[in-house]
Amino acid sequence: MSDLPKQAGILSATEFFRLAIKSIIGIALARIITPAELGSYRQLFLIYTTFSTLLLLGIPQSMLYFLPKAENAEKQRLLITRSLNLISILALIFALCLLIFRNFIAQIFHNPQLGNLLIIYALYPLFLFVTQLYSSIMMGLKQPLRAAKFTIFSVLSDFIFIVSAAFFTRNLTIIIWAVIASAFLQWLYAQITLNEFKEKKVRFDFASVKEQMNYALPLGLSSIIGMLSIQLDKLMISGFFPPEKFAVFSLGATEFPIVGILANSINSVLLPHLSSTNTATMGELYSGAVRKNAILVFPLMALCFIFAEPIFILLYGKIYAEAAVYFRIYLFLMPLRIATYGILFQAFGKTKFIMYNSLFVLIANAVLNYILIINLGMKGAAIATVIVTWLSVMIYLIQIAKVLKLKLLDFFPIGKITKNALVTIISLFLSFLIIWLGKQNLLFVAIGGIVFILSYLLLGRKTGVILDYDVQLAKELINDLKGKFKK
């Protein structure tokens, strides 16, 4: 088994674990606190996720590019130490901004409770900025197992602190204090572990800083613009509707998390290799990742569509059943996630195009969101996000051929993708036939899901969508993970 699929597999497996624990935390909170309180809790993380991307300036992403290119260990240590110092300053700026503008934010979100909660939550970036850089450093050093172990520690810490506080107190303020306590522990872990990679004395090297910022700043700006595009529907819903409505929308209006995990894992592992690889091998690596992604993404999309409503009711209760509507709309983003497009521009060092594309998407998304929210309500926000994201990918594909002068067929195995899509559609048709005959009865929905899985596996093997290599890779990955985590 080659190192690349193995590394991506370790990261994906770890992130699946993180997703499972985070989902349990979300379910527990939905069951314990009121929708309005859950809306406030999720708004705090919406604020952090959106604006931390801006203040991180693309520095974590730059670690994946510059650390593999560093000439020796000393230069790696200098880069890491300089980045950590800068990140700490930016975290302090973010914390002060949250304190200063807390009442303004609360007013925009039509949620007076946020003003007081932000006084506590302002501590969060002081700890989390360093932990976000930690994982990028480990990936840049090609040590995915250390990044995986840190992720497991972090998510278990969140689970213990947050769920305990919610269960025993049912008090949102104490829950936020628990979030801060967990973040502090993660920060402590990262600081102690990173000591071996730090330089005691760091001299200021203007040329190196300029080179890093020339790469990172456009990427950072494009990341915040991209993040705003992703979160724009939630930000606008917060501005148009009360926190309890936002809670329902935010639970549903999200991409299926496993797909995001897969893309991030592939990105983190691919970029250090693509940055030091010739174009011919780059196409082979990228195309192979796209084909493997499609085997997971297409059937997952179909299963999520079938089971969306019963799963939301089962997990969160009938009060959140409406969230399934927004989730099904967001599922139409999943076919795009078999590939990651900006990574090719990162590998060639052309990060400015990513920024321009993201800026265009943000403006288009803002206009379309406003128009569709006014006319269709909360559904309109989800529909606008899907339309604009598809448009963004089309632009990327055109520019990959035009600007990077790459042949799309070398990077995107169109024939294999199409065959996979057809197998998925046929399997889905058979599944819906069972569900229709059972008149949407829950038992027949479950049987329909089983029929889909069996049909996809059988047809996939018969048509060559699922190869012997894929089966062997899955077996080796499972055995490898068992061995590593037993140590």
Protein backbone atom coordinates (compact mmCIF):
# COMPACT_ATOMS: atom_id res chain seq x y z
CA MET A 1 0.00 0.00 0.00
CA SER A 2 1.58 3.33 -1.04
CA ASP A 3 2.15 6.08 1.53
CA LEU A 4 -0.19 8.60 -0.10
CA PRO A 5 -3.48 6.67 0.15
CA LYS A 6 -2.39 5.43 3.58
CA GLN A 7 -1.79 8.98 4.88
CA ALA A 8 -5.07 10.23 3.44
CA GLY A 9 -6.81 7.22 4.93
CA ILE A 10 -5.41 7.89 8.41
CA LEU A 11 -6.57 11.50 8.25
CA SER A 12 -9.99 10.55 6.90
CA ALA A 13 -10.51 7.88 9.56
CA THR A 14 -9.50 10.33 12.28
CA GLU A 15 -11.79 13.01 10.90
CA PHE A 16 -14.66 10.50 10.75
CA PHE A 17 -14.09 9.92 14.45
CA ARG A 18 -14.05 13.69 15.02
CA LEU A 19 -17.28 14.00 13.04
CA ALA A 20 -18.95 11.25 15.10
CA ILE A 21 -18.04 12.88 18.42
CA LYS A 22 -18.95 16.39 17.23
CA SER A 23 -22.27 15.05 15.98
CA ILE A 24 -22.96 13.49 19.38
CA ILE A 25 -22.17 16.85 21.00
CA GLY A 26 -24.60 18.59 18.62
CA ILE A 27 -27.32 16.01 19.22
CA ALA A 28 -26.86 16.25 23.00
CA LEU A 29 -27.13 20.05 22.92
CA ALA A 30 -30.22 19.92 20.68
CA ARG A 31 -31.87 17.55 23.15
CA ILE A 32 -30.82 19.42 26.32
CA ILE A 33 -31.06 23.16 25.59
CA THR A 34 -33.79 25.16 23.86
CA PRO A 35 -33.74 25.94 20.08
CA ALA A 36 -33.07 29.62 20.88
CA GLU A 37 -30.06 28.68 23.05
CA LEU A 38 -28.83 26.22 20.43
CA GLY A 39 -29.13 29.01 17.86
CA SER A 40 -26.97 31.30 20.05
CA TYR A 41 -24.38 28.54 20.56
CA ARG A 42 -24.14 27.85 16.84
CA GLN A 43 -23.98 31.58 16.04
CA LEU A 44 -20.86 31.91 18.22
CA PHE A 45 -19.11 29.24 16.17
CA LEU A 46 -20.42 30.78 12.95
CA ILE A 47 -18.73 34.05 13.94
CA TYR A 48 -15.47 32.30 14.81
CA THR A 49 -15.37 30.08 11.74
CA THR A 50 -16.09 32.96 9.40
CA PHE A 51 -13.75 35.62 10.73
CA SER A 52 -10.89 33.44 11.98
CA THR A 53 -10.30 32.59 8.32
CA LEU A 54 -9.66 36.27 7.63
CA LEU A 55 -7.26 36.83 10.51
CA LEU A 56 -5.28 33.64 9.95
CA LEU A 57 -4.13 35.27 6.67
CA GLY A 58 -3.62 31.92 4.93
CA ILE A 59 -0.66 31.11 7.22
CA PRO A 60 -1.77 27.53 8.05
CA GLN A 61 -2.18 26.73 4.34
CA SER A 62 1.28 28.17 3.63
CA MET A 63 2.80 25.55 5.96
CA LEU A 64 1.74 22.83 3.52
CA TYR A 65 3.60 24.64 0.73
CA PHE A 66 6.78 25.97 2.40
CA LEU A 67 7.71 23.29 4.96
CA PRO A 68 8.25 20.57 2.30
CA LYS A 69 10.36 23.06 0.29
CA ALA A 70 12.57 24.11 3.24
CA GLU A 71 16.23 23.22 2.58
CA ASN A 72 16.96 21.86 6.06
CA ALA A 73 15.54 21.34 9.56
CA GLU A 74 16.84 24.70 10.79
CA LYS A 75 14.88 26.60 8.14
CA GLN A 76 11.80 24.58 9.00
CA ARG A 77 12.16 25.56 12.68
CA LEU A 78 12.58 29.21 11.79
CA LEU A 79 9.47 29.15 9.61
CA ILE A 80 7.43 27.39 12.31
CA THR A 81 8.54 29.75 15.10
CA ARG A 82 7.94 32.88 13.02
CA SER A 83 4.47 31.63 12.04
CA LEU A 84 3.55 30.76 15.64
CA ASN A 85 4.53 34.22 16.85
CA LEU A 86 2.52 35.91 14.12
CA ILE A 87 -0.50 33.66 14.73
CA SER A 88 -0.47 34.53 18.44
CA ILE A 89 -0.56 38.26 17.66
CA LEU A 90 -3.44 37.79 15.22
CA ALA A 91 -5.35 35.75 17.84
CA LEU A 92 -5.06 38.65 20.29
CA ILE A 93 -6.39 41.06 17.66
CA PHE A 94 -9.38 38.79 16.99
CA ALA A 95 -10.15 38.49 20.72
CA LEU A 96 -10.10 42.28 21.12
CA CYS A 97 -12.37 42.71 18.09
CA LEU A 98 -14.92 40.29 19.55
CA LEU A 99 -14.94 42.27 22.81
CA ILE A 100 -15.16 45.69 21.19
CA PHE A 101 -17.86 44.79 18.65
CA ARG A 102 -19.86 42.31 20.74
CA ASN A 103 -22.94 44.54 21.07
CA PHE A 104 -22.85 45.45 17.38
CA ILE A 105 -22.71 41.74 16.45
CA ALA A 106 -25.60 40.97 18.81
CA GLN A 107 -27.66 43.72 17.21
CA ILE A 108 -27.01 42.50 13.65
CA PHE A 109 -27.96 38.94 14.64
CA HIS A 110 -31.09 40.15 16.46
CA ASN A 111 -29.85 38.22 19.49
CA PRO A 112 -29.19 40.30 22.66
CA GLN A 113 -27.82 37.22 24.48
CA LEU A 114 -24.78 37.17 22.18
CA GLY A 115 -23.40 40.37 23.71
CA ASN A 116 -22.75 38.72 27.10
CA LEU A 117 -21.67 35.38 25.64
CA LEU A 118 -19.02 37.05 23.46
CA ILE A 119 -17.27 38.41 26.57
CA ILE A 120 -16.44 34.80 27.48
CA TYR A 121 -16.06 33.52 23.92
CA ALA A 122 -13.44 36.18 23.11
CA LEU A 123 -10.90 33.88 24.81
CA TYR A 124 -11.53 31.15 22.23
CA PRO A 125 -9.29 32.45 19.38
CA LEU A 126 -6.39 32.99 21.82
CA PHE A 127 -6.18 29.21 22.18
CA LEU A 128 -7.60 27.86 18.92
CA PHE A 129 -5.39 29.82 16.49
CA VAL A 130 -2.28 27.95 17.66
CA THR A 131 -4.05 24.57 17.53
CA GLN A 132 -5.19 25.24 13.95
CA LEU A 133 -1.58 25.93 12.97
CA TYR A 134 -0.40 22.75 14.75
CA SER A 135 -2.21 20.39 12.38
CA SER A 136 -0.93 22.26 9.32
CA ILE A 137 2.63 22.10 10.65
CA MET A 138 2.42 18.35 11.16
CA MET A 139 1.03 17.86 7.66
CA GLY A 140 3.71 20.11 6.17
CA LEU A 141 6.33 17.96 7.93
CA LYS A 142 4.56 14.88 6.47
CA GLN A 143 3.63 13.53 9.92
CA PRO A 144 -0.10 12.81 9.53
CA LEU A 145 -0.21 10.39 12.47
CA ARG A 146 0.77 13.16 14.92
CA ALA A 147 -1.90 15.40 13.42
CA ALA A 148 -4.40 12.54 13.79
CA LYS A 149 -3.53 11.97 17.46
CA PHE A 150 -3.96 15.66 18.20
CA THR A 151 -7.36 15.65 16.51
CA ILE A 152 -8.48 12.72 18.67
CA PHE A 153 -7.27 14.47 21.83
CA SER A 154 -9.04 17.70 20.86
CA VAL A 155 -12.39 16.16 20.07
CA LEU A 156 -12.43 13.99 23.21
CA SER A 157 -11.62 17.06 25.27
CA ASP A 158 -14.55 18.93 23.68
CA PHE A 159 -16.86 15.99 24.30
CA ILE A 160 -16.01 15.61 27.99
CA PHE A 161 -16.19 19.32 28.83
CA ILE A 162 -19.16 20.42 26.71
CA VAL A 163 -21.48 17.45 27.19
CA SER A 164 -20.76 17.30 30.94
CA ALA A 165 -21.52 21.00 31.33
CA ALA A 166 -24.73 20.68 29.30
CA PHE A 167 -25.95 17.55 31.11
CA PHE A 168 -25.29 18.76 34.65
CA THR A 169 -26.12 22.47 34.36
CA ARG A 170 -28.31 23.03 31.26
CA ASN A 171 -26.88 26.55 31.39
CA LEU A 172 -25.59 28.07 28.14
CA THR A 173 -23.11 30.40 29.87
CA ILE A 174 -21.46 27.48 31.69
CA ILE A 175 -21.42 25.48 28.43
CA ILE A 176 -19.44 28.30 26.78
CA TRP A 177 -17.00 28.28 29.73
CA ALA A 178 -16.59 24.53 29.09
CA VAL A 179 -15.77 25.30 25.43
CA ILE A 180 -13.02 27.69 26.61
CA ALA A 181 -11.61 25.15 29.10
CA SER A 182 -11.35 22.52 26.37
CA ALA A 183 -9.69 25.01 23.99
CA PHE A 184 -7.10 25.83 26.68
CA LEU A 185 -6.18 22.15 27.09
CA GLN A 186 -5.74 21.80 23.31
CA TRP A 187 -3.55 24.92 23.26
CA LEU A 188 -1.39 23.48 26.07
CA TYR A 189 -0.97 20.18 24.19
CA ALA A 190 0.07 22.02 21.00
CA GLN A 191 2.52 24.34 22.78
CA ILE A 192 4.28 21.49 24.61
CA THR A 193 4.50 19.31 21.48
CA LEU A 194 5.74 22.13 19.24
CA ASN A 195 8.65 22.99 21.53
CA GLU A 196 10.88 20.53 19.67
CA PHE A 197 10.25 22.42 16.42
CA LYS A 198 10.88 25.94 17.76
CA GLU A 199 13.96 28.11 17.57
CA LYS A 200 14.91 29.90 20.79
CA LYS A 201 16.14 32.96 18.92
CA VAL A 202 14.41 34.02 15.73
CA ARG A 203 16.01 36.61 13.52
CA PHE A 204 13.74 38.64 11.30
CA ASP A 205 14.29 37.67 7.67
CA PHE A 206 12.39 40.17 5.53
CA ALA A 207 12.91 38.21 2.28
CA SER A 208 11.50 34.98 3.77
CA VAL A 209 8.56 36.78 5.39
CA LYS A 210 7.77 38.54 2.11
CA GLU A 211 7.89 35.27 0.16
CA GLN A 212 5.59 33.57 2.66
CA MET A 213 3.14 36.47 2.72
CA ASN A 214 3.11 36.74 -1.08
CA TYR A 215 1.89 33.15 -1.12
CA ALA A 216 -0.28 33.22 2.00
CA LEU A 217 -2.09 36.57 1.74
CA PRO A 218 -3.92 35.94 -1.55
CA LEU A 219 -4.74 32.47 -0.27
CA GLY A 220 -5.93 33.90 3.05
CA LEU A 221 -8.06 36.52 1.33
CA SER A 222 -9.54 33.92 -0.98
CA SER A 223 -10.19 31.68 2.03
CA ILE A 224 -12.15 34.37 3.88
CA ILE A 225 -14.05 35.21 0.71
CA GLY A 226 -14.69 31.51 0.14
CA MET A 227 -15.73 31.07 3.77
CA LEU A 228 -18.08 34.04 3.54
CA SER A 229 -19.57 32.48 0.42
CA ILE A 230 -20.12 29.20 2.28
CA GLN A 231 -21.46 30.84 5.43
CA LEU A 232 -23.29 33.69 3.73
CA ASP A 233 -26.65 31.94 3.77
CA LYS A 234 -26.33 31.35 7.53
CA LEU A 235 -25.18 34.92 8.16
CA MET A 236 -28.13 36.29 6.18
CA ILE A 237 -30.60 33.93 7.88
CA SER A 238 -29.28 35.22 11.22
CA GLY A 239 -30.04 38.73 10.02
CA PHE A 240 -33.55 37.91 8.76
CA PHE A 241 -34.79 35.35 11.32
CA PRO A 242 -34.64 34.78 15.13
CA PRO A 243 -32.08 32.38 16.76
CA GLU A 244 -34.54 29.46 17.04
CA LYS A 245 -35.15 29.57 13.25
CA PHE A 246 -31.41 29.84 12.66
CA ALA A 247 -30.90 26.71 14.78
CA VAL A 248 -33.16 24.68 12.46
CA PHE A 249 -31.63 26.12 9.28
CA SER A 250 -28.02 25.71 10.43
CA LEU A 251 -28.52 22.04 11.33
CA GLY A 252 -29.82 21.26 7.84
CA ALA A 253 -28.07 23.75 5.55
CA THR A 254 -24.74 22.03 5.56
CA GLU A 255 -22.86 19.71 3.27
CA PHE A 256 -22.62 16.11 4.34
CA PRO A 257 -19.56 16.37 6.63
CA ILE A 258 -17.84 13.18 5.46
CA VAL A 259 -17.33 14.73 2.03
CA GLY A 260 -15.62 17.79 3.51
CA ILE A 261 -13.42 15.53 5.62
CA LEU A 262 -12.45 13.52 2.56
CA ALA A 263 -11.58 16.65 0.55
CA ASN A 264 -9.53 18.20 3.39
CA SER A 265 -7.64 14.97 4.00
CA ILE A 266 -6.83 14.54 0.32
CA ASN A 267 -5.79 18.20 0.08
CA SER A 268 -3.53 18.07 3.11
CA VAL A 269 -1.71 15.01 1.82
CA LEU A 270 -1.69 15.86 -1.90
CA LEU A 271 -0.45 19.48 -1.74
CA PRO A 272 2.99 18.77 -0.24
CA HIS A 273 3.48 16.08 -2.92
CA LEU A 274 2.04 18.09 -5.81
CA SER A 275 4.25 21.05 -4.89
CA SER A 276 7.32 18.94 -5.56
CA THR A 277 6.04 16.79 -8.45
CA ASN A 278 6.18 17.14 -12.24
CA THR A 279 3.00 17.68 -14.27
CA ALA A 280 2.76 14.11 -15.57
CA THR A 281 2.79 12.49 -12.13
CA MET A 282 0.59 15.29 -10.79
CA GLY A 283 -2.16 14.32 -13.26
CA GLU A 284 -1.92 10.66 -12.27
CA LEU A 285 -2.09 11.45 -8.52
CA TYR A 286 -4.98 13.88 -8.92
CA SER A 287 -7.00 11.69 -11.29
CA GLY A 288 -6.63 8.69 -8.99
CA ALA A 289 -7.89 10.72 -6.02
CA VAL A 290 -10.92 11.92 -8.03
CA ARG A 291 -11.90 8.38 -9.04
CA LYS A 292 -11.63 7.10 -5.46
CA ASN A 293 -13.60 10.06 -4.11
CA ALA A 294 -16.46 9.36 -6.53
CA ILE A 295 -16.83 5.80 -5.19
CA LEU A 296 -17.66 7.26 -1.79
CA VAL A 297 -19.40 10.52 -2.71
CA PHE A 298 -22.02 9.34 -5.24
CA PRO A 299 -23.58 6.53 -3.17
CA LEU A 300 -23.43 8.68 -0.01
CA MET A 301 -25.41 11.41 -1.74
CA ALA A 302 -28.11 8.91 -2.71
CA LEU A 303 -28.33 7.38 0.79
CA CYS A 304 -28.51 10.80 2.43
CA PHE A 305 -31.38 11.80 0.15
CA ILE A 306 -33.30 8.65 1.06
CA PHE A 307 -32.81 8.86 4.82
CA ALA A 308 -32.62 12.64 5.44
CA GLU A 309 -35.95 13.21 7.19
CA PRO A 310 -36.08 10.08 9.39
CA ILE A 311 -32.47 10.66 10.50
CA PHE A 312 -33.07 14.30 11.49
CA ILE A 313 -36.17 13.32 13.47
CA LEU A 314 -34.38 10.41 15.13
CA LEU A 315 -31.31 12.45 16.08
CA TYR A 316 -32.69 15.88 16.91
CA GLY A 317 -36.42 15.33 17.47
CA LYS A 318 -39.51 16.37 15.50
CA ILE A 319 -38.92 20.02 16.33
CA TYR A 320 -35.97 19.95 13.89
CA ALA A 321 -37.66 17.87 11.12
CA GLU A 322 -37.73 20.90 8.80
CA ALA A 323 -33.91 20.85 8.72
CA ALA A 324 -34.09 17.84 6.35
CA VAL A 325 -35.45 20.10 3.57
CA TYR A 326 -32.37 22.33 3.62
CA PHE A 327 -30.06 19.32 3.92
CA ARG A 328 -31.52 17.75 0.76
CA ILE A 329 -30.97 20.99 -1.15
CA TYR A 330 -27.33 21.04 -0.02
CA LEU A 331 -26.85 17.47 -1.22
CA PHE A 332 -26.69 18.79 -4.78
CA LEU A 333 -23.23 20.12 -3.92
CA MET A 334 -21.88 16.62 -3.36
CA PRO A 335 -21.14 15.72 -7.01
CA LEU A 336 -18.72 18.66 -7.08
CA ARG A 337 -16.78 17.30 -4.11
CA ILE A 338 -15.19 14.40 -5.93
CA ALA A 339 -12.39 16.85 -6.77
CA THR A 340 -10.68 19.83 -5.19
CA TYR A 341 -9.99 22.56 -7.70
CA GLY A 342 -8.04 25.33 -6.00
CA ILE A 343 -5.32 22.87 -4.97
CA LEU A 344 -3.90 22.87 -8.52
CA PHE A 345 -3.48 26.65 -8.40
CA GLN A 346 -1.85 26.32 -4.97
CA ALA A 347 0.57 23.70 -6.27
CA PHE A 348 1.62 26.06 -9.10
CA GLY A 349 1.86 29.00 -6.67
CA LYS A 350 -0.91 30.90 -8.51
CA THR A 351 -2.99 31.76 -5.44
CA LYS A 352 -4.24 35.11 -6.75
CA PHE A 353 -6.67 33.44 -9.14
CA ILE A 354 -8.25 31.59 -6.20
CA MET A 355 -8.81 34.99 -4.59
CA TYR A 356 -10.40 36.54 -7.71
CA ASN A 357 -12.68 33.54 -8.22
CA SER A 358 -13.77 33.59 -4.57
CA LEU A 359 -14.49 37.33 -4.70
CA PHE A 360 -16.73 36.89 -7.75
CA VAL A 361 -18.56 34.01 -6.06
CA LEU A 362 -19.08 36.03 -2.87
CA ILE A 363 -20.68 38.95 -4.71
CA ALA A 364 -22.89 36.65 -6.81
CA ASN A 365 -23.88 34.68 -3.73
CA ALA A 366 -24.81 37.81 -1.75
CA VAL A 367 -27.07 39.10 -4.54
CA LEU A 368 -28.73 35.74 -5.22
CA ASN A 369 -29.17 34.99 -1.49
CA TYR A 370 -30.96 38.27 -0.90
CA ILE A 371 -33.27 37.84 -3.91
CA LEU A 372 -34.19 34.23 -3.11
CA ILE A 373 -34.62 34.77 0.65
CA ILE A 374 -37.09 37.57 -0.06
CA ASN A 375 -39.03 35.36 -2.49
CA LEU A 376 -38.61 31.82 -1.10
CA GLY A 377 -37.72 32.30 2.57
CA MET A 378 -35.04 30.11 4.16
CA LYS A 379 -35.11 27.62 1.26
CA GLY A 380 -33.95 30.43 -1.03
CA ALA A 381 -30.69 30.83 0.90
CA ALA A 382 -29.79 27.16 0.45
CA ILE A 383 -30.73 27.17 -3.26
CA ALA A 384 -28.63 30.30 -3.90
CA THR A 385 -25.56 28.71 -2.29
CA VAL A 386 -25.86 25.59 -4.45
CA ILE A 387 -26.27 27.56 -7.71
CA VAL A 388 -23.31 29.83 -7.04
CA THR A 389 -21.04 26.95 -5.97
CA TRP A 390 -21.72 25.12 -9.25
CA LEU A 391 -20.89 28.33 -11.12
CA SER A 392 -17.62 28.66 -9.21
CA VAL A 393 -16.51 25.15 -10.18
CA MET A 394 -17.30 25.80 -13.84
CA ILE A 395 -15.03 28.86 -13.72
CA TYR A 396 -12.27 26.82 -12.07
CA LEU A 397 -12.41 24.15 -14.78
CA ILE A 398 -12.19 26.74 -17.55
CA GLN A 399 -9.20 28.40 -15.90
CA ILE A 400 -7.41 25.11 -15.16
CA ALA A 401 -7.29 24.54 -18.92
CA LYS A 402 -6.67 28.19 -19.88
CA VAL A 403 -4.33 29.58 -17.19
CA LEU A 404 -2.51 26.45 -16.04
CA LYS A 405 -2.57 24.98 -19.57
CA LEU A 406 -3.48 21.54 -18.26
CA LYS A 407 -5.55 18.97 -20.12
CA LEU A 408 -8.71 18.38 -18.09
CA LEU A 409 -8.96 14.77 -19.25
CA ASP A 410 -5.55 14.08 -17.66
CA PHE A 411 -6.89 15.23 -14.29
CA PHE A 412 -10.58 14.26 -14.47
CA PRO A 413 -11.42 10.68 -15.54
CA ILE A 414 -14.72 11.66 -17.17
CA GLY A 415 -15.58 8.16 -18.42
CA LYS A 416 -15.13 6.56 -15.00
CA ILE A 417 -17.06 9.36 -13.28
CA THR A 418 -19.97 9.01 -15.75
CA LYS A 419 -20.08 5.22 -15.31
CA ASN A 420 -20.15 5.66 -11.53
CA ALA A 421 -22.99 8.22 -11.81
CA LEU A 422 -25.05 5.81 -13.96
CA VAL A 423 -24.57 2.95 -11.49
CA THR A 424 -25.69 5.28 -8.69
CA ILE A 425 -28.81 6.43 -10.60
CA ILE A 426 -29.86 2.85 -11.46
CA SER A 427 -29.39 1.75 -7.85
CA LEU A 428 -31.33 4.79 -6.62
CA PHE A 429 -34.19 4.02 -9.01
CA LEU A 430 -34.48 0.47 -7.65
CA SER A 431 -34.42 1.84 -4.11
CA PHE A 432 -37.16 4.42 -4.76
CA LEU A 433 -39.29 1.72 -6.41
CA ILE A 434 -39.27 -0.23 -3.12
CA ILE A 435 -40.02 2.91 -1.10
CA TRP A 436 -42.87 3.91 -3.45
CA LEU A 437 -44.45 0.44 -3.23
CA GLY A 438 -44.32 0.72 0.57
CA LYS A 439 -45.92 4.20 0.48
CA GLN A 440 -43.05 5.85 2.40
CA ASN A 441 -43.40 3.46 5.35
CA LEU A 442 -40.26 3.63 7.54
CA LEU A 443 -39.62 -0.10 7.17
CA PHE A 444 -39.74 0.16 3.37
CA VAL A 445 -37.44 3.19 3.50
CA ALA A 446 -34.91 1.05 5.39
CA ILE A 447 -35.31 -1.80 2.91
CA GLY A 448 -34.89 0.68 0.06
CA GLY A 449 -31.60 1.82 1.58
CA ILE A 450 -30.35 -1.76 1.81
CA VAL A 451 -31.41 -2.43 -1.80
CA PHE A 452 -29.46 0.65 -2.90
CA ILE A 453 -26.26 -0.44 -1.13
CA LEU A 454 -26.40 -4.00 -2.49
CA SER A 455 -27.25 -2.80 -6.01
CA TYR A 456 -24.42 -0.26 -6.03
CA LEU A 457 -21.84 -2.77 -4.78
CA LEU A 458 -22.96 -5.47 -7.23
CA LEU A 459 -23.23 -3.18 -10.27
CA GLY A 460 -20.06 -1.34 -9.25
CA ARG A 461 -18.04 -4.54 -9.24
CA LYS A 462 -19.62 -5.84 -12.47
CA THR A 463 -19.02 -2.60 -14.40
CA GLY A 464 -15.52 -1.90 -13.06
CA VAL A 465 -16.50 1.16 -11.03
CA ILE A 466 -15.15 -0.60 -7.93
CA LEU A 467 -11.79 -2.23 -8.71
CA ASP A 468 -9.93 -5.05 -6.97
CA TYR A 469 -7.41 -2.35 -6.00
CA ASP A 470 -10.13 -0.42 -4.13
CA VAL A 471 -11.22 -3.48 -2.15
CA GLN A 472 -7.62 -4.35 -1.30
CA LEU A 473 -6.86 -0.74 -0.37
CA ALA A 474 -9.82 -0.63 2.01
CA LYS A 475 -8.75 -3.88 3.68
CA GLU A 476 -5.13 -2.73 4.06
CA LEU A 477 -6.20 0.64 5.41
CA ILE A 478 -8.43 -0.95 8.08
CA ASN A 479 -5.66 -3.35 9.13
CA ASP A 480 -3.08 -0.57 9.12
CA LEU A 481 -5.23 1.68 11.31
CA LYS A 482 -5.89 -1.16 13.75
CA GLY A 483 -2.16 -1.76 14.07
CA LYS A 484 -1.23 1.89 14.53
CA PHE A 485 -3.84 2.73 17.16
CA LYS A 486 -3.08 -0.41 19.18
CA LYS A 487 0.45 0.90 19.77
